[in-house]
Amino acid sequence: MAPAQPLHYDGAELEALATADRYYEWILAEFELERLGTCLEVGAGTGNLTRRLRRHSPDAMVCLEPSTNLLERLRETVETGNGDRVKTDIVAQSFEAFAVQQRSASFDSIVCVNVLEHIRDDRSAVREMHRLLRPGGRLYLMVPALQWIYGSLDEAFGHYRRYAKRPLRQLLQDAGFQVEKLRYLNSAGIATWFLMGRIFKWRGWGTGSVTVYDQLVIPILQRIESIVEPPIGQSLLTVATKPAA
């Protein structure tokens, strides 16, 4: 199946995910966040992850979101969420446009969750992330996995691709990163995504289905996958470091 072309990103699925607390807390637990320092969030959307990151007390945050229709909700999330003392700047730009204006070694950490697949030239984007990090800085990255489950949901969400473990590791290493952690996540999501996107040709999901999965499936999966790492999963999660000079 051909990769999707960029679409207007209305963020409907982000609204459905807004209450997926267990999902986001699982991601942050797997990241094993250390000191975030000055943190760049790439593709903040409506702020689902932003408000949770702010609870980890970064020194300051810059949140990038190129979809202007999502900015008002993002601002509301930042203004009403926890972490009021965290200086947070919202920038209405794509990562590519933002990066070319920034000096090297500007950030201590970069968080990029379910965004890299939306960027046509992911290789250049990862190189720029490496450049923007200070020596010793960390990239916290999560991407959709397994190209063979690419379907109508990916097309609707504007995904160019899904990833596999070995090529993602190589992509990061080619950019100069040292990969500290790389693992599949959410093994049960494979069947769900395949059925919705390849069989039933869905182009979105509702809050109800997200809530059921978040409350019933995620706690069980998190417990199992913390004991036995799955050989494949719906997502790939990685922590990569820019080596100290």
C-alpha atoms as a PDB file:
ATOM      1  CA  MET A   1       0.000   0.000   0.000  1.00  0.00           C
ATOM      2  CA  ALA A   2       1.369   3.401  -0.913  1.00  0.00           C
ATOM      3  CA  PRO A   3       2.241   5.818   1.884  1.00  0.00           C
ATOM      4  CA  ALA A   4      -0.320   8.478   2.657  1.00  0.00           C
ATOM      5  CA  GLN A   5      -0.021  11.991   1.360  1.00  0.00           C
ATOM      6  CA  PRO A   6      -0.187  14.782   3.964  1.00  0.00           C
ATOM      7  CA  LEU A   7      -3.748  15.634   4.883  1.00  0.00           C
ATOM      8  CA  HIS A   8      -5.357  18.406   6.871  1.00  0.00           C
ATOM      9  CA  TYR A   9      -4.875  17.146  10.402  1.00  0.00           C
ATOM     10  CA  ASP A  10      -8.146  17.749  12.209  1.00  0.00           C
ATOM     11  CA  GLY A  11      -6.994  15.990  15.368  1.00  0.00           C
ATOM     12  CA  ALA A  12     -10.215  14.026  15.852  1.00  0.00           C
ATOM     13  CA  GLU A  13      -8.318  10.996  17.151  1.00  0.00           C
ATOM     14  CA  LEU A  14      -6.429  13.244  19.571  1.00  0.00           C
ATOM     15  CA  GLU A  15      -9.718  14.279  21.153  1.00  0.00           C
ATOM     16  CA  ALA A  16     -10.593  10.605  21.561  1.00  0.00           C
ATOM     17  CA  LEU A  17      -7.198   9.959  23.183  1.00  0.00           C
ATOM     18  CA  ALA A  18      -7.458  12.892  25.597  1.00  0.00           C
ATOM     19  CA  THR A  19      -8.661  10.672  28.445  1.00  0.00           C
ATOM     20  CA  ALA A  20      -6.322   7.746  27.690  1.00  0.00           C
ATOM     21  CA  ASP A  21      -4.414   8.241  30.936  1.00  0.00           C
ATOM     22  CA  ARG A  22      -3.072   4.704  31.207  1.00  0.00           C
ATOM     23  CA  TYR A  23      -1.772   4.785  27.627  1.00  0.00           C
ATOM     24  CA  TYR A  24       0.210   7.988  28.132  1.00  0.00           C
ATOM     25  CA  GLU A  25       1.458   7.009  31.584  1.00  0.00           C
ATOM     26  CA  TRP A  26       2.679   3.715  30.124  1.00  0.00           C
ATOM     27  CA  ILE A  27       4.644   5.591  27.475  1.00  0.00           C
ATOM     28  CA  LEU A  28       6.213   7.921  30.037  1.00  0.00           C
ATOM     29  CA  ALA A  29       7.041   5.003  32.327  1.00  0.00           C
ATOM     30  CA  GLU A  30       8.826   3.229  29.477  1.00  0.00           C
ATOM     31  CA  PHE A  31      10.766   6.400  28.655  1.00  0.00           C
ATOM     32  CA  GLU A  32      12.117   6.388  32.236  1.00  0.00           C
ATOM     33  CA  LEU A  33      12.362  10.156  32.014  1.00  0.00           C
ATOM     34  CA  GLU A  34      15.430  11.708  33.535  1.00  0.00           C
ATOM     35  CA  ARG A  35      15.995  15.437  33.944  1.00  0.00           C
ATOM     36  CA  LEU A  36      14.240  17.037  30.964  1.00  0.00           C
ATOM     37  CA  GLY A  37      15.914  20.436  31.308  1.00  0.00           C
ATOM     38  CA  THR A  38      14.929  22.592  28.354  1.00  0.00           C
ATOM     39  CA  CYS A  39      12.525  20.294  26.506  1.00  0.00           C
ATOM     40  CA  LEU A  40      11.265  20.437  22.915  1.00  0.00           C
ATOM     41  CA  GLU A  41       8.031  18.592  22.165  1.00  0.00           C
ATOM     42  CA  VAL A  42       7.636  17.907  18.452  1.00  0.00           C
ATOM     43  CA  GLY A  43       3.998  17.796  17.336  1.00  0.00           C
ATOM     44  CA  ALA A  44       2.190  18.679  20.555  1.00  0.00           C
ATOM     45  CA  GLY A  45      -1.273  18.337  18.992  1.00  0.00           C
ATOM     46  CA  THR A  46      -3.954  19.234  21.521  1.00  0.00           C
ATOM     47  CA  GLY A  47      -1.608  18.790  24.474  1.00  0.00           C
ATOM     48  CA  ASN A  48      -2.453  15.251  25.573  1.00  0.00           C
ATOM     49  CA  LEU A  49       1.204  14.480  26.259  1.00  0.00           C
ATOM     50  CA  THR A  50       2.214  18.079  26.989  1.00  0.00           C
ATOM     51  CA  ARG A  51       0.261  18.335  30.224  1.00  0.00           C
ATOM     52  CA  ARG A  52       1.729  15.054  31.438  1.00  0.00           C
ATOM     53  CA  LEU A  53       5.281  16.073  30.547  1.00  0.00           C
ATOM     54  CA  ARG A  54       4.865  19.309  32.510  1.00  0.00           C
ATOM     55  CA  ARG A  55       4.285  17.241  35.651  1.00  0.00           C
ATOM     56  CA  HIS A  56       7.885  16.021  35.306  1.00  0.00           C
ATOM     57  CA  SER A  57       9.093  19.575  35.967  1.00  0.00           C
ATOM     58  CA  PRO A  58      11.191  20.500  32.948  1.00  0.00           C
ATOM     59  CA  ASP A  59      13.046  23.793  33.267  1.00  0.00           C
ATOM     60  CA  ALA A  60      11.166  25.081  30.219  1.00  0.00           C
ATOM     61  CA  MET A  61       9.215  23.667  27.277  1.00  0.00           C
ATOM     62  CA  VAL A  62       8.813  24.560  23.635  1.00  0.00           C
ATOM     63  CA  CYS A  63       5.802  22.880  22.016  1.00  0.00           C
ATOM     64  CA  LEU A  64       5.668  22.711  18.229  1.00  0.00           C
ATOM     65  CA  GLU A  65       2.337  22.283  16.452  1.00  0.00           C
ATOM     66  CA  PRO A  66       1.936  23.190  12.764  1.00  0.00           C
ATOM     67  CA  SER A  67      -1.833  22.553  12.575  1.00  0.00           C
ATOM     68  CA  THR A  68      -3.331  25.948  13.345  1.00  0.00           C
ATOM     69  CA  ASN A  69      -6.756  24.447  14.080  1.00  0.00           C
ATOM     70  CA  LEU A  70      -5.259  22.598  17.072  1.00  0.00           C
ATOM     71  CA  LEU A  71      -3.485  25.572  18.631  1.00  0.00           C
ATOM     72  CA  GLU A  72      -6.412  26.970  20.625  1.00  0.00           C
ATOM     73  CA  ARG A  73      -7.009  23.617  22.309  1.00  0.00           C
ATOM     74  CA  LEU A  74      -3.272  23.241  22.949  1.00  0.00           C
ATOM     75  CA  ARG A  75      -3.145  26.654  24.618  1.00  0.00           C
ATOM     76  CA  GLU A  76      -6.173  25.785  26.763  1.00  0.00           C
ATOM     77  CA  THR A  77      -4.506  22.556  27.844  1.00  0.00           C
ATOM     78  CA  VAL A  78      -1.316  24.349  28.824  1.00  0.00           C
ATOM     79  CA  GLU A  79      -3.152  27.135  30.661  1.00  0.00           C
ATOM     80  CA  THR A  80      -5.453  24.857  32.649  1.00  0.00           C
ATOM     81  CA  GLY A  81      -3.134  21.903  33.267  1.00  0.00           C
ATOM     82  CA  ASN A  82      -0.633  21.114  35.982  1.00  0.00           C
ATOM     83  CA  GLY A  83       2.858  22.541  35.775  1.00  0.00           C
ATOM     84  CA  ASP A  84       1.870  26.201  35.968  1.00  0.00           C
ATOM     85  CA  ARG A  85       5.403  27.142  36.944  1.00  0.00           C
ATOM     86  CA  VAL A  86       6.900  25.577  33.837  1.00  0.00           C
ATOM     87  CA  LYS A  87       7.591  28.211  31.192  1.00  0.00           C
ATOM     88  CA  THR A  88       5.937  26.834  28.055  1.00  0.00           C
ATOM     89  CA  ASP A  89       6.163  28.413  24.618  1.00  0.00           C
ATOM     90  CA  ILE A  90       3.801  27.259  21.871  1.00  0.00           C
ATOM     91  CA  VAL A  91       5.194  27.640  18.361  1.00  0.00           C
ATOM     92  CA  ALA A  92       2.917  27.274  15.321  1.00  0.00           C
ATOM     93  CA  GLN A  93       5.506  25.681  13.052  1.00  0.00           C
ATOM     94  CA  SER A  94       6.470  22.316  11.664  1.00  0.00           C
ATOM     95  CA  PHE A  95       9.642  20.801  13.033  1.00  0.00           C
ATOM     96  CA  GLU A  96      11.413  21.310   9.706  1.00  0.00           C
ATOM     97  CA  ALA A  97      10.613  25.055   9.636  1.00  0.00           C
ATOM     98  CA  PHE A  98      11.499  25.491  13.298  1.00  0.00           C
ATOM     99  CA  ALA A  99      14.787  23.595  13.180  1.00  0.00           C
ATOM    100  CA  VAL A 100      16.421  25.682  10.454  1.00  0.00           C
ATOM    101  CA  GLN A 101      16.001  28.792  12.643  1.00  0.00           C
ATOM    102  CA  GLN A 102      17.607  27.272  15.740  1.00  0.00           C
ATOM    103  CA  ARG A 103      21.187  27.172  16.877  1.00  0.00           C
ATOM    104  CA  SER A 104      22.829  23.825  17.527  1.00  0.00           C
ATOM    105  CA  ALA A 105      22.739  22.415  21.059  1.00  0.00           C
ATOM    106  CA  SER A 106      19.631  24.379  22.098  1.00  0.00           C
ATOM    107  CA  PHE A 107      17.779  21.654  24.043  1.00  0.00           C
ATOM    108  CA  ASP A 108      18.439  19.089  26.755  1.00  0.00           C
ATOM    109  CA  SER A 109      15.664  16.764  25.617  1.00  0.00           C
ATOM    110  CA  ILE A 110      13.362  16.228  22.650  1.00  0.00           C
ATOM    111  CA  VAL A 111      10.084  14.322  22.902  1.00  0.00           C
ATOM    112  CA  CYS A 112       8.541  13.070  19.665  1.00  0.00           C
ATOM    113  CA  VAL A 113       5.589  10.697  20.125  1.00  0.00           C
ATOM    114  CA  ASN A 114       3.627   9.499  17.091  1.00  0.00           C
ATOM    115  CA  VAL A 115       4.913  12.354  14.923  1.00  0.00           C
ATOM    116  CA  LEU A 116       7.979  11.212  12.931  1.00  0.00           C
ATOM    117  CA  GLU A 117       5.750   9.136  10.647  1.00  0.00           C
ATOM    118  CA  HIS A 118       4.068  12.398   9.542  1.00  0.00           C
ATOM    119  CA  ILE A 119       7.361  13.865   8.289  1.00  0.00           C
ATOM    120  CA  ARG A 120       8.224  13.065   4.685  1.00  0.00           C
ATOM    121  CA  ASP A 121      12.011  13.261   5.139  1.00  0.00           C
ATOM    122  CA  ASP A 122      12.400  11.508   8.459  1.00  0.00           C
ATOM    123  CA  ARG A 123      16.139  11.009   7.959  1.00  0.00           C
ATOM    124  CA  SER A 124      16.781  14.750   7.785  1.00  0.00           C
ATOM    125  CA  ALA A 125      14.437  15.337  10.722  1.00  0.00           C
ATOM    126  CA  VAL A 126      16.334  12.909  12.955  1.00  0.00           C
ATOM    127  CA  ARG A 127      19.649  14.510  11.983  1.00  0.00           C
ATOM    128  CA  GLU A 128      18.226  17.906  12.957  1.00  0.00           C
ATOM    129  CA  MET A 129      17.025  16.535  16.284  1.00  0.00           C
ATOM    130  CA  HIS A 130      20.566  15.353  16.946  1.00  0.00           C
ATOM    131  CA  ARG A 131      21.931  18.789  16.048  1.00  0.00           C
ATOM    132  CA  LEU A 132      19.485  20.613  18.322  1.00  0.00           C
ATOM    133  CA  LEU A 133      20.338  18.499  21.356  1.00  0.00           C
ATOM    134  CA  ARG A 134      23.125  19.438  23.702  1.00  0.00           C
ATOM    135  CA  PRO A 135      25.833  16.780  24.240  1.00  0.00           C
ATOM    136  CA  GLY A 136      24.384  14.205  26.602  1.00  0.00           C
ATOM    137  CA  GLY A 137      20.839  15.228  25.631  1.00  0.00           C
ATOM    138  CA  ARG A 138      18.159  12.630  25.032  1.00  0.00           C
ATOM    139  CA  LEU A 139      15.610  11.940  22.332  1.00  0.00           C
ATOM    140  CA  TYR A 140      12.431  10.240  23.558  1.00  0.00           C
ATOM    141  CA  LEU A 141      10.796   8.814  20.447  1.00  0.00           C
ATOM    142  CA  MET A 142       7.781   6.638  19.714  1.00  0.00           C
ATOM    143  CA  VAL A 143       6.553   5.663  16.252  1.00  0.00           C
ATOM    144  CA  PRO A 144       3.979   3.265  14.769  1.00  0.00           C
ATOM    145  CA  ALA A 145       5.435  -0.138  13.923  1.00  0.00           C
ATOM    146  CA  LEU A 146       5.006  -2.834  11.272  1.00  0.00           C
ATOM    147  CA  GLN A 147       4.441  -1.675   7.705  1.00  0.00           C
ATOM    148  CA  TRP A 148       2.308  -4.732   6.965  1.00  0.00           C
ATOM    149  CA  ILE A 149      -0.510  -3.365   9.155  1.00  0.00           C
ATOM    150  CA  TYR A 150      -0.460   0.001   7.324  1.00  0.00           C
ATOM    151  CA  GLY A 151      -4.057   0.697   6.316  1.00  0.00           C
ATOM    152  CA  SER A 152      -6.882   3.190   6.070  1.00  0.00           C
ATOM    153  CA  LEU A 153      -6.251   4.578   9.559  1.00  0.00           C
ATOM    154  CA  ASP A 154      -2.666   5.430   8.624  1.00  0.00           C
ATOM    155  CA  GLU A 155      -3.862   7.082   5.422  1.00  0.00           C
ATOM    156  CA  ALA A 156      -6.496   9.102   7.271  1.00  0.00           C
ATOM    157  CA  PHE A 157      -3.974  10.251   9.886  1.00  0.00           C
ATOM    158  CA  GLY A 158      -1.391  11.282   7.270  1.00  0.00           C
ATOM    159  CA  HIS A 159       1.237   8.634   8.010  1.00  0.00           C
ATOM    160  CA  TYR A 160       3.972   8.188   5.415  1.00  0.00           C
ATOM    161  CA  ARG A 161       5.181   4.920   6.903  1.00  0.00           C
ATOM    162  CA  ARG A 162       5.363   2.546   9.842  1.00  0.00           C
ATOM    163  CA  TYR A 163       8.685   1.380  11.255  1.00  0.00           C
ATOM    164  CA  ALA A 164      10.609  -1.785  12.085  1.00  0.00           C
ATOM    165  CA  LYS A 165      13.218  -2.242  14.789  1.00  0.00           C
ATOM    166  CA  ARG A 166      16.410  -2.672  12.785  1.00  0.00           C
ATOM    167  CA  PRO A 167      15.824   0.175  10.272  1.00  0.00           C
ATOM    168  CA  LEU A 168      14.850   2.549  13.097  1.00  0.00           C
ATOM    169  CA  ARG A 169      18.017   1.727  15.006  1.00  0.00           C
ATOM    170  CA  GLN A 170      20.056   2.351  11.858  1.00  0.00           C
ATOM    171  CA  LEU A 171      18.244   5.641  11.215  1.00  0.00           C
ATOM    172  CA  LEU A 172      19.160   6.871  14.684  1.00  0.00           C
ATOM    173  CA  GLN A 173      22.740   5.662  14.546  1.00  0.00           C
ATOM    174  CA  ASP A 174      23.292   7.232  11.126  1.00  0.00           C
ATOM    175  CA  ALA A 175      22.251  10.570  12.647  1.00  0.00           C
ATOM    176  CA  GLY A 176      24.848  10.179  15.395  1.00  0.00           C
ATOM    177  CA  PHE A 177      22.662   8.905  18.230  1.00  0.00           C
ATOM    178  CA  GLN A 178      23.568   6.214  20.704  1.00  0.00           C
ATOM    179  CA  VAL A 179      20.492   4.011  21.149  1.00  0.00           C
ATOM    180  CA  GLU A 180      19.930   3.318  24.839  1.00  0.00           C
ATOM    181  CA  LYS A 181      16.560   1.606  24.569  1.00  0.00           C
ATOM    182  CA  LEU A 182      14.546   0.258  21.648  1.00  0.00           C
ATOM    183  CA  ARG A 183      11.540  -1.980  22.113  1.00  0.00           C
ATOM    184  CA  TYR A 184       8.157  -2.905  20.715  1.00  0.00           C
ATOM    185  CA  LEU A 185       5.093  -1.899  22.692  1.00  0.00           C
ATOM    186  CA  ASN A 186       1.380  -2.742  22.663  1.00  0.00           C
ATOM    187  CA  SER A 187       1.372  -6.223  21.126  1.00  0.00           C
ATOM    188  CA  ALA A 188      -2.415  -6.570  21.375  1.00  0.00           C
ATOM    189  CA  GLY A 189      -2.818  -3.409  19.311  1.00  0.00           C
ATOM    190  CA  ILE A 190      -1.520  -5.198  16.211  1.00  0.00           C
ATOM    191  CA  ALA A 191      -4.710  -7.199  15.696  1.00  0.00           C
ATOM    192  CA  THR A 192      -6.898  -4.214  16.529  1.00  0.00           C
ATOM    193  CA  TRP A 193      -5.099  -1.911  14.076  1.00  0.00           C
ATOM    194  CA  PHE A 194      -5.062  -4.579  11.341  1.00  0.00           C
ATOM    195  CA  LEU A 195      -8.780  -5.238  11.660  1.00  0.00           C
ATOM    196  CA  MET A 196      -9.748  -1.561  11.779  1.00  0.00           C
ATOM    197  CA  GLY A 197      -7.410  -0.386   9.014  1.00  0.00           C
ATOM    198  CA  ARG A 198      -6.984  -3.330   6.667  1.00  0.00           C
ATOM    199  CA  ILE A 199     -10.219  -5.286   7.019  1.00  0.00           C
ATOM    200  CA  PHE A 200     -12.941  -2.802   8.008  1.00  0.00           C
ATOM    201  CA  LYS A 201     -11.261   0.256   6.423  1.00  0.00           C
ATOM    202  CA  TRP A 202     -12.034   2.563   9.323  1.00  0.00           C
ATOM    203  CA  ARG A 203     -10.729   6.121   9.102  1.00  0.00           C
ATOM    204  CA  GLY A 204     -11.003   7.039  12.764  1.00  0.00           C
ATOM    205  CA  TRP A 205     -12.166   5.859  16.157  1.00  0.00           C
ATOM    206  CA  GLY A 206     -14.480   7.034  18.887  1.00  0.00           C
ATOM    207  CA  THR A 207     -13.902   7.941  22.511  1.00  0.00           C
ATOM    208  CA  GLY A 208     -15.797   4.864  23.676  1.00  0.00           C
ATOM    209  CA  SER A 209     -13.489   2.345  22.027  1.00  0.00           C
ATOM    210  CA  VAL A 210     -10.413   4.221  23.267  1.00  0.00           C
ATOM    211  CA  THR A 211     -11.762   4.271  26.830  1.00  0.00           C
ATOM    212  CA  VAL A 212     -12.453   0.536  26.842  1.00  0.00           C
ATOM    213  CA  TYR A 213      -8.986  -0.275  25.496  1.00  0.00           C
ATOM    214  CA  ASP A 214      -7.307   2.144  27.899  1.00  0.00           C
ATOM    215  CA  GLN A 215      -9.115   0.924  31.002  1.00  0.00           C
ATOM    216  CA  LEU A 216      -9.302  -2.815  30.317  1.00  0.00           C
ATOM    217  CA  VAL A 217      -6.486  -3.790  27.952  1.00  0.00           C
ATOM    218  CA  ILE A 218      -3.619  -1.390  28.691  1.00  0.00           C
ATOM    219  CA  PRO A 219      -3.202  -2.334  32.399  1.00  0.00           C
ATOM    220  CA  ILE A 220      -2.944  -6.033  31.509  1.00  0.00           C
ATOM    221  CA  LEU A 221      -0.601  -5.389  28.591  1.00  0.00           C
ATOM    222  CA  GLN A 222       1.650  -3.144  30.626  1.00  0.00           C
ATOM    223  CA  ARG A 223       2.010  -5.779  33.318  1.00  0.00           C
ATOM    224  CA  ILE A 224       2.736  -8.590  30.842  1.00  0.00           C
ATOM    225  CA  GLU A 225       5.114  -6.590  28.645  1.00  0.00           C
ATOM    226  CA  SER A 226       7.059  -5.344  31.659  1.00  0.00           C
ATOM    227  CA  ILE A 227       7.910  -8.983  32.369  1.00  0.00           C
ATOM    228  CA  VAL A 228       8.266 -10.351  28.834  1.00  0.00           C
ATOM    229  CA  GLU A 229       9.248  -7.962  26.051  1.00  0.00           C
ATOM    230  CA  PRO A 230       7.098  -8.725  22.987  1.00  0.00           C
ATOM    231  CA  PRO A 231       8.881  -9.674  19.730  1.00  0.00           C
ATOM    232  CA  ILE A 232       6.575  -7.307  17.828  1.00  0.00           C
ATOM    233  CA  GLY A 233       4.104  -4.588  18.738  1.00  0.00           C
ATOM    234  CA  GLN A 234       1.905  -1.842  17.335  1.00  0.00           C
ATOM    235  CA  SER A 235       4.475   0.776  18.356  1.00  0.00           C
ATOM    236  CA  LEU A 236       8.231   1.162  18.689  1.00  0.00           C
ATOM    237  CA  LEU A 237       9.618   3.136  21.604  1.00  0.00           C
ATOM    238  CA  THR A 238      13.198   4.323  21.859  1.00  0.00           C
ATOM    239  CA  VAL A 239      15.442   6.453  24.027  1.00  0.00           C
ATOM    240  CA  ALA A 240      18.536   7.729  22.219  1.00  0.00           C
ATOM    241  CA  THR A 241      21.365   9.910  23.497  1.00  0.00           C
ATOM    242  CA  LYS A 242      23.597  12.434  21.778  1.00  0.00           C
ATOM    243  CA  PRO A 243      27.050  11.375  23.003  1.00  0.00           C
ATOM    244  CA  ALA A 244      28.867  13.855  25.201  1.00  0.00           C
ATOM    245  CA  ALA A 245      31.688  15.641  23.414  1.00  0.00           C
END
